[in-house]
N, C-alpha and C. Protein backbone atom coordinates (compact mmCIF):
# COMPACT_ATOMS: atom_id res chain seq x y z
N MET A 1 153.97 -69.15 -231.94
CA MET A 1 152.55 -69.13 -232.23
C MET A 1 151.91 -68.02 -231.38
N SER A 2 151.00 -67.28 -231.99
CA SER A 2 150.39 -66.14 -231.29
C SER A 2 149.37 -66.60 -230.26
N ASP A 3 149.12 -65.72 -229.31
CA ASP A 3 148.11 -66.00 -228.29
C ASP A 3 146.73 -66.15 -228.93
N PHE A 4 146.46 -65.32 -229.94
CA PHE A 4 145.16 -65.41 -230.62
C PHE A 4 144.98 -66.78 -231.25
N HIS A 5 146.03 -67.27 -231.90
CA HIS A 5 145.96 -68.57 -232.57
C HIS A 5 145.71 -69.69 -231.56
N GLN A 6 146.41 -69.65 -230.43
CA GLN A 6 146.21 -70.65 -229.39
C GLN A 6 144.82 -70.55 -228.80
N THR A 7 144.34 -69.33 -228.56
CA THR A 7 143.01 -69.13 -228.00
C THR A 7 141.94 -69.65 -228.95
N LEU A 8 142.09 -69.36 -230.24
CA LEU A 8 141.13 -69.84 -231.24
C LEU A 8 141.12 -71.37 -231.28
N PHE A 9 142.30 -71.98 -231.25
CA PHE A 9 142.36 -73.44 -231.24
C PHE A 9 141.64 -74.00 -230.01
N LEU A 10 141.94 -73.46 -228.85
CA LEU A 10 141.34 -73.97 -227.61
C LEU A 10 139.82 -73.75 -227.59
N TRP A 11 139.34 -72.71 -228.25
CA TRP A 11 137.91 -72.47 -228.34
C TRP A 11 137.23 -73.49 -229.26
N LEU A 12 137.90 -73.87 -230.35
CA LEU A 12 137.33 -74.81 -231.32
C LEU A 12 137.53 -76.27 -230.94
N ASN A 13 138.55 -76.55 -230.15
CA ASN A 13 138.85 -77.91 -229.70
C ASN A 13 137.82 -78.32 -228.65
N LEU A 14 137.23 -79.50 -228.81
CA LEU A 14 136.23 -79.96 -227.85
C LEU A 14 136.87 -80.21 -226.49
N SER A 15 136.22 -79.72 -225.47
CA SER A 15 136.72 -79.91 -224.11
C SER A 15 136.09 -81.16 -223.50
N PRO A 16 136.58 -81.61 -222.36
CA PRO A 16 135.97 -82.78 -221.70
C PRO A 16 134.50 -82.56 -221.33
N SER A 17 134.08 -81.30 -221.24
CA SER A 17 132.68 -81.04 -220.93
C SER A 17 131.79 -80.95 -222.17
N ALA A 18 132.35 -81.20 -223.35
CA ALA A 18 131.58 -81.14 -224.60
C ALA A 18 130.51 -82.23 -224.60
N SER A 19 129.44 -81.97 -225.30
CA SER A 19 128.35 -82.95 -225.37
C SER A 19 128.79 -84.20 -226.14
N ALA A 20 128.16 -85.30 -225.80
CA ALA A 20 128.49 -86.57 -226.45
C ALA A 20 128.17 -86.52 -227.94
N TRP A 21 127.08 -85.83 -228.31
CA TRP A 21 126.71 -85.77 -229.73
C TRP A 21 127.74 -84.99 -230.54
N SER A 22 128.33 -83.90 -229.98
CA SER A 22 129.32 -83.13 -230.73
C SER A 22 130.60 -83.94 -230.92
N LEU A 23 130.98 -84.70 -229.91
CA LEU A 23 132.15 -85.57 -230.03
C LEU A 23 131.89 -86.69 -231.04
N SER A 24 130.70 -87.27 -231.01
CA SER A 24 130.34 -88.32 -231.98
C SER A 24 130.32 -87.77 -233.40
N LEU A 25 129.77 -86.56 -233.57
CA LEU A 25 129.73 -85.93 -234.89
C LEU A 25 131.14 -85.67 -235.41
N ALA A 26 132.01 -85.15 -234.55
CA ALA A 26 133.39 -84.88 -234.96
C ALA A 26 134.12 -86.17 -235.34
N ARG A 27 133.94 -87.20 -234.55
CA ARG A 27 134.60 -88.48 -234.88
C ARG A 27 134.06 -89.06 -236.20
N PHE A 28 132.74 -89.00 -236.38
CA PHE A 28 132.15 -89.48 -237.63
C PHE A 28 132.71 -88.69 -238.82
N ALA A 29 132.78 -87.36 -238.66
CA ALA A 29 133.24 -86.50 -239.76
C ALA A 29 134.71 -86.74 -240.11
N THR A 30 135.51 -87.16 -239.15
CA THR A 30 136.91 -87.43 -239.43
C THR A 30 137.17 -88.87 -239.86
N VAL A 31 136.47 -89.81 -239.26
CA VAL A 31 136.78 -91.22 -239.50
C VAL A 31 135.96 -91.82 -240.65
N GLN A 32 134.64 -91.69 -240.61
CA GLN A 32 133.80 -92.35 -241.61
C GLN A 32 133.44 -91.48 -242.81
N LEU A 33 133.16 -90.20 -242.59
CA LEU A 33 132.66 -89.36 -243.68
C LEU A 33 133.63 -89.25 -244.86
N PRO A 34 134.95 -89.14 -244.66
CA PRO A 34 135.83 -89.09 -245.83
C PRO A 34 135.71 -90.33 -246.73
N ALA A 35 135.54 -91.50 -246.15
CA ALA A 35 135.36 -92.71 -246.96
C ALA A 35 134.05 -92.65 -247.74
N TRP A 36 132.99 -92.17 -247.10
CA TRP A 36 131.70 -92.03 -247.78
C TRP A 36 131.80 -91.02 -248.92
N VAL A 37 132.56 -89.97 -248.71
CA VAL A 37 132.75 -88.94 -249.74
C VAL A 37 133.44 -89.55 -250.96
N LEU A 38 134.47 -90.34 -250.73
CA LEU A 38 135.17 -90.97 -251.85
C LEU A 38 134.27 -91.95 -252.60
N VAL A 39 133.52 -92.76 -251.87
CA VAL A 39 132.59 -93.69 -252.51
C VAL A 39 131.57 -92.91 -253.34
N PHE A 40 131.04 -91.83 -252.77
CA PHE A 40 130.07 -90.98 -253.47
C PHE A 40 130.68 -90.42 -254.76
N ALA A 41 131.87 -89.83 -254.65
CA ALA A 41 132.49 -89.20 -255.82
C ALA A 41 132.82 -90.21 -256.91
N PHE A 42 133.41 -91.35 -256.54
CA PHE A 42 133.73 -92.37 -257.55
C PHE A 42 132.46 -92.95 -258.18
N SER A 43 131.43 -93.19 -257.37
CA SER A 43 130.17 -93.74 -257.90
C SER A 43 129.52 -92.76 -258.86
N LEU A 44 129.47 -91.50 -258.46
CA LEU A 44 128.86 -90.47 -259.30
C LEU A 44 129.66 -90.28 -260.59
N ALA A 45 130.98 -90.35 -260.49
CA ALA A 45 131.83 -90.20 -261.69
C ALA A 45 131.61 -91.34 -262.67
N ALA A 46 131.25 -92.50 -262.15
CA ALA A 46 131.08 -93.67 -263.00
C ALA A 46 129.68 -93.78 -263.60
N VAL A 47 128.65 -93.50 -262.81
CA VAL A 47 127.30 -93.80 -263.26
C VAL A 47 126.29 -92.68 -263.09
N GLY A 48 126.72 -91.48 -262.76
CA GLY A 48 125.78 -90.38 -262.55
C GLY A 48 125.26 -89.81 -263.86
N GLN A 49 124.31 -88.90 -263.73
CA GLN A 49 123.83 -88.16 -264.89
C GLN A 49 125.01 -87.36 -265.46
N PRO A 50 125.02 -87.01 -266.73
CA PRO A 50 126.20 -86.39 -267.34
C PRO A 50 126.77 -85.18 -266.58
N ARG A 51 125.94 -84.23 -266.17
CA ARG A 51 126.47 -83.05 -265.48
C ARG A 51 126.99 -83.41 -264.09
N TRP A 52 126.33 -84.32 -263.39
CA TRP A 52 126.79 -84.76 -262.08
C TRP A 52 128.08 -85.58 -262.22
N ARG A 53 128.13 -86.39 -263.27
CA ARG A 53 129.32 -87.20 -263.52
C ARG A 53 130.52 -86.30 -263.79
N CYS A 54 130.32 -85.28 -264.57
CA CYS A 54 131.38 -84.33 -264.87
C CYS A 54 131.84 -83.62 -263.60
N MET A 55 130.89 -83.19 -262.77
CA MET A 55 131.23 -82.53 -261.52
C MET A 55 132.03 -83.48 -260.63
N ALA A 56 131.65 -84.74 -260.56
CA ALA A 56 132.36 -85.71 -259.73
C ALA A 56 133.79 -85.90 -260.23
N ARG A 57 133.98 -85.90 -261.52
CA ARG A 57 135.34 -86.03 -262.05
C ARG A 57 136.18 -84.80 -261.73
N GLN A 58 135.55 -83.64 -261.77
CA GLN A 58 136.24 -82.42 -261.35
C GLN A 58 136.63 -82.54 -259.87
N MET A 59 135.70 -83.05 -259.05
CA MET A 59 135.98 -83.22 -257.62
C MET A 59 137.16 -84.14 -257.40
N LEU A 60 137.16 -85.28 -258.06
CA LEU A 60 138.23 -86.25 -257.88
C LEU A 60 139.59 -85.67 -258.28
N LEU A 61 139.62 -84.93 -259.38
CA LEU A 61 140.86 -84.30 -259.80
C LEU A 61 141.30 -83.25 -258.79
N ALA A 62 140.39 -82.39 -258.36
CA ALA A 62 140.73 -81.34 -257.39
C ALA A 62 141.15 -81.95 -256.06
N MET A 63 140.47 -83.00 -255.63
CA MET A 63 140.82 -83.66 -254.37
C MET A 63 142.24 -84.25 -254.45
N ALA A 64 142.55 -84.91 -255.55
CA ALA A 64 143.88 -85.52 -255.71
C ALA A 64 144.97 -84.44 -255.73
N LEU A 65 144.74 -83.37 -256.48
CA LEU A 65 145.73 -82.29 -256.55
C LEU A 65 145.90 -81.61 -255.20
N ALA A 66 144.80 -81.36 -254.50
CA ALA A 66 144.88 -80.71 -253.18
C ALA A 66 145.64 -81.61 -252.20
N TRP A 67 145.38 -82.90 -252.24
CA TRP A 67 146.09 -83.84 -251.35
C TRP A 67 147.58 -83.83 -251.65
N LEU A 68 147.94 -83.90 -252.94
CA LEU A 68 149.35 -83.91 -253.31
C LEU A 68 150.05 -82.63 -252.87
N LEU A 69 149.41 -81.49 -253.08
CA LEU A 69 150.01 -80.22 -252.66
C LEU A 69 150.15 -80.14 -251.14
N ALA A 70 149.12 -80.56 -250.42
CA ALA A 70 149.18 -80.53 -248.96
C ALA A 70 150.30 -81.43 -248.46
N ARG A 71 150.41 -82.62 -249.00
CA ARG A 71 151.46 -83.55 -248.57
C ARG A 71 152.85 -83.00 -248.92
N GLY A 72 152.97 -82.35 -250.06
CA GLY A 72 154.24 -81.74 -250.43
C GLY A 72 154.65 -80.63 -249.47
N ILE A 73 153.68 -79.81 -249.08
CA ILE A 73 153.96 -78.73 -248.13
C ILE A 73 154.31 -79.32 -246.76
N GLN A 74 153.60 -80.38 -246.35
CA GLN A 74 153.92 -81.03 -245.08
C GLN A 74 155.35 -81.55 -245.08
N TRP A 75 155.78 -82.09 -246.20
CA TRP A 75 157.13 -82.62 -246.30
C TRP A 75 158.15 -81.48 -246.26
N ALA A 76 157.85 -80.37 -246.97
CA ALA A 76 158.79 -79.25 -247.06
C ALA A 76 158.82 -78.40 -245.79
N LEU A 77 157.69 -78.25 -245.12
CA LEU A 77 157.58 -77.40 -243.93
C LEU A 77 156.95 -78.18 -242.78
N PRO A 78 157.64 -79.15 -242.23
CA PRO A 78 157.02 -79.95 -241.17
C PRO A 78 156.75 -79.11 -239.91
N MET A 79 155.48 -79.02 -239.54
CA MET A 79 155.08 -78.27 -238.36
C MET A 79 154.29 -79.21 -237.45
N PRO A 80 154.48 -79.10 -236.14
CA PRO A 80 153.84 -80.04 -235.22
C PRO A 80 152.33 -79.81 -235.09
N ARG A 81 151.68 -80.85 -234.67
CA ARG A 81 150.25 -80.80 -234.37
C ARG A 81 150.06 -80.28 -232.94
N PRO A 82 148.85 -79.84 -232.59
CA PRO A 82 148.63 -79.25 -231.26
C PRO A 82 149.00 -80.18 -230.11
N TYR A 83 148.63 -81.44 -230.20
CA TYR A 83 148.88 -82.35 -229.08
C TYR A 83 150.37 -82.62 -228.89
N VAL A 84 151.16 -82.48 -229.95
CA VAL A 84 152.60 -82.63 -229.83
C VAL A 84 153.17 -81.48 -229.00
N ALA A 85 152.54 -80.31 -229.14
CA ALA A 85 152.95 -79.13 -228.38
C ALA A 85 152.30 -79.09 -227.00
N GLY A 86 151.50 -80.10 -226.66
CA GLY A 86 150.85 -80.16 -225.36
C GLY A 86 149.63 -79.27 -225.22
N LEU A 87 149.01 -78.92 -226.34
CA LEU A 87 147.83 -78.04 -226.31
C LEU A 87 146.55 -78.82 -226.55
N GLY A 88 145.51 -78.41 -225.87
CA GLY A 88 144.17 -78.94 -226.13
C GLY A 88 143.97 -80.38 -225.71
N HIS A 89 142.87 -80.93 -226.21
CA HIS A 89 142.48 -82.31 -225.91
C HIS A 89 142.48 -83.11 -227.19
N LEU A 90 143.19 -84.22 -227.19
CA LEU A 90 143.24 -85.11 -228.35
C LEU A 90 142.17 -86.18 -228.15
N TRP A 91 141.22 -86.24 -229.07
CA TRP A 91 140.09 -87.17 -228.97
C TRP A 91 140.22 -88.38 -229.88
N LEU A 92 141.28 -88.45 -230.63
CA LEU A 92 141.46 -89.55 -231.58
C LEU A 92 142.96 -89.80 -231.71
N ALA A 93 143.37 -91.04 -231.53
CA ALA A 93 144.80 -91.36 -231.63
C ALA A 93 145.31 -91.02 -233.03
N HIS A 94 146.49 -90.42 -233.08
CA HIS A 94 147.05 -90.00 -234.36
C HIS A 94 148.57 -89.97 -234.24
N ALA A 95 149.24 -90.35 -235.30
CA ALA A 95 150.71 -90.28 -235.32
C ALA A 95 151.15 -88.82 -235.28
N PRO A 96 152.30 -88.54 -234.71
CA PRO A 96 152.78 -87.15 -234.64
C PRO A 96 153.39 -86.66 -235.95
N SER A 97 152.70 -86.88 -237.04
CA SER A 97 153.16 -86.45 -238.36
C SER A 97 152.96 -84.93 -238.51
N PRO A 98 153.62 -84.32 -239.49
CA PRO A 98 153.42 -82.88 -239.70
C PRO A 98 151.94 -82.56 -239.95
N GLY A 99 151.49 -81.42 -239.43
CA GLY A 99 150.07 -81.08 -239.54
C GLY A 99 149.74 -79.90 -240.42
N PHE A 100 150.75 -79.25 -240.99
CA PHE A 100 150.48 -78.05 -241.79
C PHE A 100 150.78 -78.31 -243.25
N PRO A 101 149.80 -78.08 -244.12
CA PRO A 101 148.38 -77.84 -243.90
C PRO A 101 147.64 -79.16 -243.69
N SER A 102 146.41 -79.08 -243.25
CA SER A 102 145.61 -80.28 -243.04
C SER A 102 145.25 -80.91 -244.38
N SER A 103 145.70 -82.15 -244.58
CA SER A 103 145.34 -82.82 -245.84
C SER A 103 143.87 -83.21 -245.85
N HIS A 104 143.29 -83.51 -244.67
CA HIS A 104 141.85 -83.78 -244.60
C HIS A 104 141.06 -82.54 -245.05
N ALA A 105 141.43 -81.38 -244.50
CA ALA A 105 140.72 -80.15 -244.87
C ALA A 105 140.93 -79.81 -246.34
N SER A 106 142.14 -80.06 -246.85
CA SER A 106 142.43 -79.77 -248.26
C SER A 106 141.53 -80.61 -249.17
N VAL A 107 141.46 -81.89 -248.90
CA VAL A 107 140.67 -82.79 -249.74
C VAL A 107 139.17 -82.50 -249.58
N ALA A 108 138.73 -82.33 -248.34
CA ALA A 108 137.31 -82.09 -248.08
C ALA A 108 136.83 -80.78 -248.70
N MET A 109 137.63 -79.74 -248.57
CA MET A 109 137.22 -78.46 -249.13
C MET A 109 137.35 -78.44 -250.65
N ALA A 110 138.25 -79.24 -251.22
CA ALA A 110 138.29 -79.36 -252.68
C ALA A 110 136.96 -79.93 -253.17
N LEU A 111 136.47 -80.96 -252.48
CA LEU A 111 135.16 -81.52 -252.81
C LEU A 111 134.08 -80.46 -252.66
N GLY A 112 134.08 -79.76 -251.54
CA GLY A 112 133.04 -78.78 -251.26
C GLY A 112 133.04 -77.61 -252.22
N VAL A 113 134.21 -77.09 -252.54
CA VAL A 113 134.28 -75.93 -253.43
C VAL A 113 133.93 -76.31 -254.86
N VAL A 114 134.41 -77.46 -255.33
CA VAL A 114 133.99 -77.90 -256.67
C VAL A 114 132.48 -78.10 -256.70
N GLY A 115 131.93 -78.71 -255.65
CA GLY A 115 130.48 -78.87 -255.59
C GLY A 115 129.76 -77.54 -255.63
N TRP A 116 130.26 -76.58 -254.87
CA TRP A 116 129.64 -75.25 -254.82
C TRP A 116 129.70 -74.58 -256.19
N LEU A 117 130.83 -74.73 -256.88
CA LEU A 117 131.02 -74.05 -258.16
C LEU A 117 130.33 -74.73 -259.33
N SER A 118 130.18 -76.05 -259.29
CA SER A 118 129.71 -76.71 -260.51
C SER A 118 128.57 -77.71 -260.33
N ALA A 119 128.00 -77.81 -259.15
CA ALA A 119 126.85 -78.72 -258.99
C ALA A 119 125.69 -78.23 -259.85
N PRO A 120 125.01 -79.14 -260.50
CA PRO A 120 123.87 -78.75 -261.32
C PRO A 120 122.73 -78.09 -260.54
N HIS A 121 122.66 -78.35 -259.25
CA HIS A 121 121.61 -77.76 -258.42
C HIS A 121 122.24 -77.08 -257.22
N ALA A 122 121.75 -75.91 -256.85
CA ALA A 122 122.31 -75.13 -255.75
C ALA A 122 122.28 -75.89 -254.42
N VAL A 123 121.22 -76.65 -254.19
CA VAL A 123 121.12 -77.40 -252.93
C VAL A 123 122.23 -78.44 -252.85
N GLY A 124 122.49 -79.13 -253.93
CA GLY A 124 123.57 -80.12 -253.96
C GLY A 124 124.91 -79.48 -253.70
N GLY A 125 125.15 -78.32 -254.31
CA GLY A 125 126.39 -77.60 -254.09
C GLY A 125 126.55 -77.16 -252.65
N ALA A 126 125.47 -76.66 -252.06
CA ALA A 126 125.51 -76.22 -250.66
C ALA A 126 125.77 -77.41 -249.73
N LEU A 127 125.16 -78.55 -250.00
CA LEU A 127 125.39 -79.74 -249.17
C LEU A 127 126.84 -80.22 -249.27
N LEU A 128 127.39 -80.20 -250.46
CA LEU A 128 128.79 -80.62 -250.63
C LEU A 128 129.74 -79.66 -249.92
N LEU A 129 129.46 -78.37 -249.99
CA LEU A 129 130.29 -77.40 -249.27
C LEU A 129 130.16 -77.62 -247.76
N ALA A 130 128.96 -77.90 -247.29
CA ALA A 130 128.75 -78.16 -245.86
C ALA A 130 129.52 -79.40 -245.40
N VAL A 131 129.59 -80.42 -246.24
CA VAL A 131 130.36 -81.62 -245.90
C VAL A 131 131.84 -81.26 -245.76
N GLY A 132 132.35 -80.45 -246.68
CA GLY A 132 133.74 -80.01 -246.60
C GLY A 132 134.03 -79.23 -245.33
N VAL A 133 133.13 -78.34 -244.97
CA VAL A 133 133.29 -77.55 -243.75
C VAL A 133 133.21 -78.45 -242.52
N LEU A 134 132.30 -79.40 -242.51
CA LEU A 134 132.14 -80.31 -241.37
C LEU A 134 133.41 -81.14 -241.15
N ILE A 135 133.97 -81.69 -242.20
CA ILE A 135 135.19 -82.48 -242.07
C ILE A 135 136.33 -81.58 -241.56
N SER A 136 136.43 -80.38 -242.10
CA SER A 136 137.48 -79.45 -241.67
C SER A 136 137.33 -79.09 -240.20
N TRP A 137 136.11 -78.78 -239.77
CA TRP A 137 135.85 -78.46 -238.36
C TRP A 137 136.23 -79.63 -237.45
N SER A 138 135.93 -80.85 -237.89
CA SER A 138 136.19 -82.01 -237.04
C SER A 138 137.67 -82.15 -236.71
N ARG A 139 138.55 -81.73 -237.59
CA ARG A 139 139.98 -81.83 -237.34
C ARG A 139 140.39 -80.91 -236.19
N LEU A 140 139.75 -79.76 -236.09
CA LEU A 140 140.00 -78.84 -234.98
C LEU A 140 139.35 -79.35 -233.70
N ALA A 141 138.12 -79.79 -233.82
CA ALA A 141 137.36 -80.24 -232.66
C ALA A 141 138.04 -81.41 -231.96
N LEU A 142 138.66 -82.29 -232.73
CA LEU A 142 139.30 -83.47 -232.16
C LEU A 142 140.74 -83.21 -231.71
N GLY A 143 141.22 -81.98 -231.90
CA GLY A 143 142.57 -81.63 -231.44
C GLY A 143 143.68 -82.09 -232.36
N LEU A 144 143.37 -82.36 -233.61
CA LEU A 144 144.36 -82.89 -234.55
C LEU A 144 145.11 -81.81 -235.33
N HIS A 145 144.54 -80.60 -235.41
CA HIS A 145 145.14 -79.52 -236.19
C HIS A 145 144.91 -78.19 -235.51
N PHE A 146 145.82 -77.26 -235.80
CA PHE A 146 145.64 -75.87 -235.44
C PHE A 146 144.73 -75.21 -236.47
N PRO A 147 144.08 -74.09 -236.13
CA PRO A 147 143.25 -73.39 -237.12
C PRO A 147 144.00 -73.01 -238.39
N VAL A 148 145.27 -72.60 -238.26
CA VAL A 148 146.02 -72.22 -239.46
C VAL A 148 146.23 -73.42 -240.38
N ASP A 149 146.33 -74.62 -239.83
CA ASP A 149 146.47 -75.83 -240.65
C ASP A 149 145.22 -76.03 -241.51
N VAL A 150 144.07 -75.89 -240.87
CA VAL A 150 142.79 -76.11 -241.56
C VAL A 150 142.50 -74.97 -242.53
N LEU A 151 142.74 -73.74 -242.11
CA LEU A 151 142.48 -72.61 -243.01
C LEU A 151 143.40 -72.62 -244.23
N THR A 152 144.65 -72.98 -244.02
CA THR A 152 145.57 -73.07 -245.16
C THR A 152 145.15 -74.21 -246.10
N GLY A 153 144.74 -75.34 -245.52
CA GLY A 153 144.24 -76.43 -246.35
C GLY A 153 143.01 -76.02 -247.14
N ALA A 154 142.11 -75.28 -246.49
CA ALA A 154 140.89 -74.81 -247.18
C ALA A 154 141.23 -73.81 -248.28
N LEU A 155 142.16 -72.92 -248.01
CA LEU A 155 142.57 -71.95 -249.03
C LEU A 155 143.24 -72.64 -250.21
N LEU A 156 144.13 -73.57 -249.93
CA LEU A 156 144.78 -74.35 -250.97
C LEU A 156 143.73 -75.07 -251.82
N ALA A 157 142.77 -75.70 -251.15
CA ALA A 157 141.71 -76.43 -251.85
C ALA A 157 140.85 -75.50 -252.70
N THR A 158 140.56 -74.32 -252.19
CA THR A 158 139.74 -73.37 -252.93
C THR A 158 140.42 -72.96 -254.23
N VAL A 159 141.71 -72.67 -254.14
CA VAL A 159 142.46 -72.29 -255.35
C VAL A 159 142.50 -73.45 -256.34
N VAL A 160 142.81 -74.63 -255.86
CA VAL A 160 142.88 -75.81 -256.73
C VAL A 160 141.51 -76.08 -257.35
N ALA A 161 140.46 -76.05 -256.55
CA ALA A 161 139.11 -76.33 -257.06
C ALA A 161 138.70 -75.29 -258.11
N TRP A 162 138.98 -74.04 -257.84
CA TRP A 162 138.63 -72.99 -258.82
C TRP A 162 139.38 -73.21 -260.12
N LEU A 163 140.67 -73.52 -260.03
CA LEU A 163 141.45 -73.76 -261.25
C LEU A 163 140.93 -74.96 -262.03
N VAL A 164 140.60 -76.04 -261.33
CA VAL A 164 140.08 -77.22 -262.02
C VAL A 164 138.77 -76.89 -262.72
N VAL A 165 137.85 -76.26 -262.02
CA VAL A 165 136.55 -75.93 -262.62
C VAL A 165 136.73 -74.94 -263.76
N HIS A 166 137.56 -73.93 -263.56
CA HIS A 166 137.78 -72.92 -264.59
C HIS A 166 138.41 -73.53 -265.84
N ARG A 167 139.45 -74.32 -265.65
CA ARG A 167 140.10 -74.94 -266.81
C ARG A 167 139.16 -75.92 -267.50
N TRP A 168 138.39 -76.65 -266.72
CA TRP A 168 137.45 -77.61 -267.28
C TRP A 168 136.42 -76.87 -268.14
N SER A 169 135.91 -75.78 -267.62
CA SER A 169 134.86 -75.05 -268.34
C SER A 169 135.39 -74.39 -269.60
N ARG A 170 136.70 -74.20 -269.69
CA ARG A 170 137.30 -73.62 -270.90
C ARG A 170 137.62 -74.69 -271.93
N GLY A 171 137.20 -75.95 -271.67
CA GLY A 171 137.37 -76.99 -272.66
C GLY A 171 138.69 -77.73 -272.59
N ARG A 172 139.43 -77.54 -271.51
CA ARG A 172 140.70 -78.25 -271.36
C ARG A 172 140.54 -79.29 -270.25
N ALA A 173 139.53 -80.09 -270.37
CA ALA A 173 139.17 -81.03 -269.31
C ALA A 173 140.05 -82.25 -269.31
N TRP A 174 140.16 -82.82 -268.13
CA TRP A 174 140.86 -84.08 -267.96
C TRP A 174 139.82 -85.18 -268.15
N LEU A 175 139.97 -86.01 -269.10
CA LEU A 175 139.16 -87.18 -269.43
C LEU A 175 137.90 -86.91 -270.25
N THR A 176 137.13 -85.90 -269.94
CA THR A 176 135.79 -85.86 -270.53
C THR A 176 135.41 -84.63 -271.32
N GLY A 177 136.21 -83.63 -271.40
CA GLY A 177 135.77 -82.41 -272.08
C GLY A 177 135.11 -81.47 -271.10
N THR A 178 134.10 -80.77 -271.54
CA THR A 178 133.49 -79.73 -270.70
C THR A 178 132.25 -80.23 -269.99
N CYS A 179 131.90 -79.52 -268.95
CA CYS A 179 130.66 -79.79 -268.21
C CYS A 179 129.65 -78.74 -268.61
N ALA A 180 129.24 -78.79 -269.82
CA ALA A 180 128.35 -77.75 -270.31
C ALA A 180 127.00 -77.81 -269.61
N LYS A 181 126.57 -76.66 -269.16
CA LYS A 181 125.24 -76.57 -268.58
C LYS A 181 124.24 -76.44 -269.72
N ALA A 182 123.01 -76.80 -269.44
CA ALA A 182 121.98 -76.71 -270.47
C ALA A 182 121.84 -75.26 -270.91
N PRO A 183 121.76 -75.03 -272.21
CA PRO A 183 121.63 -73.65 -272.68
C PRO A 183 120.34 -73.01 -272.20
N VAL A 184 120.41 -71.75 -271.91
CA VAL A 184 119.24 -71.01 -271.46
C VAL A 184 118.53 -70.48 -272.70
N ALA A 185 117.27 -70.79 -272.81
CA ALA A 185 116.48 -70.31 -273.94
C ALA A 185 116.06 -68.87 -273.69
N LEU A 186 116.38 -68.00 -274.62
CA LEU A 186 115.99 -66.60 -274.48
C LEU A 186 114.65 -66.40 -275.15
N PRO A 187 113.83 -65.50 -274.62
CA PRO A 187 112.54 -65.24 -275.26
C PRO A 187 112.75 -64.59 -276.62
N PRO A 188 111.84 -64.83 -277.55
CA PRO A 188 112.00 -64.23 -278.87
C PRO A 188 111.90 -62.70 -278.79
N ARG A 189 112.61 -62.04 -279.67
CA ARG A 189 112.54 -60.58 -279.71
C ARG A 189 111.25 -60.14 -280.37
N LEU A 190 110.70 -59.11 -279.87
CA LEU A 190 109.45 -58.56 -280.42
C LEU A 190 109.73 -57.22 -281.09
N ASP A 191 110.39 -57.24 -282.21
CA ASP A 191 110.72 -56.00 -282.93
C ASP A 191 109.61 -55.59 -283.83
């Protein structure tokens, strides 16, 4: 592992002098927020407005695919987590399972990127992307992953999310067809 990679990890990992609110935010983002995200996505997929429901179904598909790919890579290329290598501060008990790529970051960024690409409103898309980034950051802050684990998970999720949204928009949707946006009315021509 390069010196730069170790330095970046140690910079992002919360130290014992970190503020209590940053540690609480990181723990919330890793422990509780993923469950809230799943409840949100399943609820929206079931009872949301049509465009939001379609986006939620895209999210669930992208999240599942990103998780499966991340777990497959972890199985094929088992790489240790920082605390196993004796680096940084571990703020949350965790099994010494393979950490590359981060499945939390993969799933969270799949949600965020699908939200960014297909949310009916820009603010909703930005909030969903921010949630994905927050969960990804928390894995570094708590000492559970190296930056390359999180960045690879985010890249994997971005590709998966783009493919899901792109394929969905081309009419090859899983379960529901397309997420057609409302047509834009053009002004009449004045010839």
